[in-house]
C-alpha atoms as a PDB file:
ATOM      1  CA  MET A   1     183.922  86.154 172.273  1.00  0.00           C
ATOM      2  CA  ASN A   2     187.216  86.129 170.371  1.00  0.00           C
ATOM      3  CA  GLN A   3     187.949  89.093 168.145  1.00  0.00           C
ATOM      4  CA  GLY A   4     186.877  88.357 164.614  1.00  0.00           C
ATOM      5  CA  THR A   5     184.105  85.874 165.451  1.00  0.00           C
ATOM      6  CA  ASN A   6     180.373  86.219 164.752  1.00  0.00           C
ATOM      7  CA  LYS A   7     177.357  85.159 166.772  1.00  0.00           C
ATOM      8  CA  TYR A   8     175.202  82.741 165.041  1.00  0.00           C
ATOM      9  CA  LEU A   9     172.156  80.675 165.924  1.00  0.00           C
ATOM     10  CA  VAL A  10     172.329  76.998 164.874  1.00  0.00           C
ATOM     11  CA  VAL A  11     169.218  74.972 164.866  1.00  0.00           C
ATOM     12  CA  THR A  12     168.861  71.269 164.825  1.00  0.00           C
ATOM     13  CA  GLY A  13     165.817  69.227 165.713  1.00  0.00           C
ATOM     14  CA  ILE A  14     163.960  71.125 168.367  1.00  0.00           C
ATOM     15  CA  CYS A  15     166.919  72.738 169.681  1.00  0.00           C
ATOM     16  CA  CYS A  16     168.583  76.145 168.925  1.00  0.00           C
ATOM     17  CA  PHE A  17     172.101  76.958 170.066  1.00  0.00           C
ATOM     18  CA  ARG A  18     174.081  80.211 170.165  1.00  0.00           C
ATOM     19  CA  VAL A  19     177.528  79.701 168.705  1.00  0.00           C
ATOM     20  CA  ASP A  20     180.427  82.094 168.198  1.00  0.00           C
ATOM     21  CA  ALA A  21     182.503  81.331 165.146  1.00  0.00           C
ATOM     22  CA  LEU A  22     184.299  82.877 162.197  1.00  0.00           C
ATOM     23  CA  THR A  23     181.896  81.500 159.599  1.00  0.00           C
ATOM     24  CA  PRO A  24     178.590  79.653 159.358  1.00  0.00           C
ATOM     25  CA  PHE A  25     180.452  76.441 158.425  1.00  0.00           C
ATOM     26  CA  GLN A  26     182.630  76.700 161.539  1.00  0.00           C
ATOM     27  CA  ALA A  27     179.455  77.333 163.596  1.00  0.00           C
ATOM     28  CA  VAL A  28     178.167  73.947 162.579  1.00  0.00           C
ATOM     29  CA  GLU A  29     181.436  72.322 163.198  1.00  0.00           C
ATOM     30  CA  ALA A  30     181.713  73.851 166.634  1.00  0.00           C
ATOM     31  CA  LEU A  31     178.258  72.698 167.548  1.00  0.00           C
ATOM     32  CA  LYS A  32     178.937  69.172 166.263  1.00  0.00           C
ATOM     33  CA  GLU A  33     182.017  69.099 168.402  1.00  0.00           C
ATOM     34  CA  ARG A  34     180.205  70.112 171.507  1.00  0.00           C
ATOM     35  CA  ILE A  35     177.608  67.341 170.954  1.00  0.00           C
ATOM     36  CA  HIS A  36     180.308  64.895 170.310  1.00  0.00           C
ATOM     37  CA  ASN A  37     182.117  65.994 173.487  1.00  0.00           C
ATOM     38  CA  ARG A  38     178.957  65.545 175.521  1.00  0.00           C
ATOM     39  CA  GLY A  39     178.863  61.963 174.451  1.00  0.00           C
ATOM     40  CA  ARG A  40     182.343  61.453 175.997  1.00  0.00           C
ATOM     41  CA  LEU A  41     181.314  62.820 179.418  1.00  0.00           C
ATOM     42  CA  PRO A  42     181.058  60.325 182.260  1.00  0.00           C
ATOM     43  CA  GLN A  43     177.510  59.238 182.941  1.00  0.00           C
ATOM     44  CA  HIS A  44     177.132  61.448 186.014  1.00  0.00           C
ATOM     45  CA  LEU A  45     178.264  64.626 184.220  1.00  0.00           C
ATOM     46  CA  THR A  46     175.926  66.419 181.952  1.00  0.00           C
ATOM     47  CA  ASP A  47     175.649  69.428 179.630  1.00  0.00           C
ATOM     48  CA  PRO A  48     172.300  71.128 180.515  1.00  0.00           C
ATOM     49  CA  ASP A  49     171.635  71.985 176.779  1.00  0.00           C
ATOM     50  CA  ILE A  50     172.576  68.735 175.156  1.00  0.00           C
ATOM     51  CA  GLY A  51     170.949  65.530 175.874  1.00  0.00           C
ATOM     52  CA  MET A  52     172.139  62.041 174.828  1.00  0.00           C
ATOM     53  CA  SER A  53     169.437  61.942 172.101  1.00  0.00           C
ATOM     54  CA  LEU A  54     171.399  64.631 170.288  1.00  0.00           C
ATOM     55  CA  VAL A  55     174.576  62.614 170.762  1.00  0.00           C
ATOM     56  CA  GLU A  56     172.937  59.474 169.413  1.00  0.00           C
ATOM     57  CA  ALA A  57     171.422  61.367 166.432  1.00  0.00           C
ATOM     58  CA  LEU A  58     174.806  62.882 165.479  1.00  0.00           C
ATOM     59  CA  HIS A  59     176.661  59.534 165.752  1.00  0.00           C
ATOM     60  CA  GLU A  60     173.824  57.957 163.557  1.00  0.00           C
ATOM     61  CA  GLY A  61     174.017  60.727 161.006  1.00  0.00           C
ATOM     62  CA  ARG A  62     170.451  61.974 161.553  1.00  0.00           C
ATOM     63  CA  LEU A  63     171.131  65.494 162.507  1.00  0.00           C
ATOM     64  CA  ASN A  64     170.699  68.424 160.117  1.00  0.00           C
ATOM     65  CA  PHE A  65     171.636  71.975 160.994  1.00  0.00           C
ATOM     66  CA  ILE A  66     170.694  75.371 159.817  1.00  0.00           C
ATOM     67  CA  VAL A  67     172.766  78.499 160.617  1.00  0.00           C
ATOM     68  CA  MET A  68     171.099  81.891 160.880  1.00  0.00           C
ATOM     69  CA  ASP A  69     171.941  85.322 162.169  1.00  0.00           C
ATOM     70  CA  GLU A  70     171.261  86.149 165.779  1.00  0.00           C
ATOM     71  CA  GLU A  71     168.118  88.189 164.889  1.00  0.00           C
ATOM     72  CA  ARG A  72     166.704  85.239 162.916  1.00  0.00           C
ATOM     73  CA  THR A  73     166.290  87.221 159.721  1.00  0.00           C
ATOM     74  CA  LEU A  74     168.778  85.428 157.373  1.00  0.00           C
ATOM     75  CA  LEU A  75     169.540  81.887 156.585  1.00  0.00           C
ATOM     76  CA  LEU A  76     173.501  81.661 156.378  1.00  0.00           C
ATOM     77  CA  GLY A  77     174.150  78.061 155.661  1.00  0.00           C
ATOM     78  CA  GLY A  78     173.591  74.614 156.879  1.00  0.00           C
ATOM     79  CA  GLU A  79     174.276  70.868 156.726  1.00  0.00           C
ATOM     80  CA  TYR A  80     171.898  68.268 155.226  1.00  0.00           C
ATOM     81  CA  LYS A  81     172.746  64.646 155.601  1.00  0.00           C
ATOM     82  CA  GLY A  82     176.329  65.447 156.238  1.00  0.00           C
ATOM     83  CA  ASN A  83     176.888  67.905 153.290  1.00  0.00           C
ATOM     84  CA  TYR A  84     177.394  71.542 153.929  1.00  0.00           C
ATOM     85  CA  GLU A  85     175.340  73.999 151.993  1.00  0.00           C
ATOM     86  CA  ASP A  86     176.222  77.719 151.647  1.00  0.00           C
ATOM     87  CA  GLN A  87     172.711  78.317 150.615  1.00  0.00           C
ATOM     88  CA  VAL A  88     170.105  76.617 152.488  1.00  0.00           C
ATOM     89  CA  SER A  89     168.082  74.257 150.279  1.00  0.00           C
ATOM     90  CA  ARG A  90     164.302  73.688 150.591  1.00  0.00           C
ATOM     91  CA  ARG A  91     164.944  70.084 151.420  1.00  0.00           C
ATOM     92  CA  LEU A  92     167.089  71.103 154.372  1.00  0.00           C
ATOM     93  CA  ALA A  93     164.523  73.767 155.449  1.00  0.00           C
ATOM     94  CA  ASP A  94     161.786  71.047 155.155  1.00  0.00           C
ATOM     95  CA  SER A  95     163.787  68.804 157.498  1.00  0.00           C
ATOM     96  CA  LEU A  96     163.764  71.529 160.178  1.00  0.00           C
ATOM     97  CA  ARG A  97     160.545  73.291 159.180  1.00  0.00           C
ATOM     98  CA  ASP A  98     159.314  73.821 162.765  1.00  0.00           C
ATOM     99  CA  MET A  99     162.443  75.855 163.631  1.00  0.00           C
ATOM    100  CA  LEU A 100     161.897  78.407 160.810  1.00  0.00           C
ATOM    101  CA  SER A 101     159.550  81.302 160.455  1.00  0.00           C
ATOM    102  CA  GLU A 102     157.546  81.696 157.224  1.00  0.00           C
ATOM    103  CA  ASN A 103     159.942  84.430 156.147  1.00  0.00           C
ATOM    104  CA  LEU A 104     163.054  82.263 156.620  1.00  0.00           C
ATOM    105  CA  TYR A 105     161.512  79.244 155.056  1.00  0.00           C
ATOM    106  CA  TYR A 106     160.531  81.156 151.832  1.00  0.00           C
ATOM    107  CA  GLN A 107     164.096  82.490 151.551  1.00  0.00           C
ATOM    108  CA  THR A 108     164.858  78.959 150.239  1.00  0.00           C
ATOM    109  CA  ASP A 109     164.344  78.023 146.544  1.00  0.00           C
ATOM    110  CA  TYR A 110     161.394  75.618 146.124  1.00  0.00           C
ATOM    111  CA  ARG A 111     163.377  74.042 143.109  1.00  0.00           C
ATOM    112  CA  THR A 112     165.828  72.601 145.783  1.00  0.00           C
ATOM    113  CA  ALA A 113     163.223  70.565 147.478  1.00  0.00           C
END
């Protein structure tokens, strides 16, 4: 880990990734870059954590992302339909509901559904 970076968990779909970055926004960008790079690998090379379904979903604009702290106690940001949110909206939380505990889900404002 580089000095000054933080450890985040970034969830998308049914996957959860540990990402080191300076900010939650940069954590999303780093994961998107990793997924994009997986798509550029030759067919016989793989990333054990990233399947081609994630690559396809990213390229088709179907991936949403939520960033939380490593202990899974705070929602720190996310991306919904390509738009970054500093505060996770209920609509974003709904899109990744299975990845969130009740406590995390109810940190979001129901008025942003």
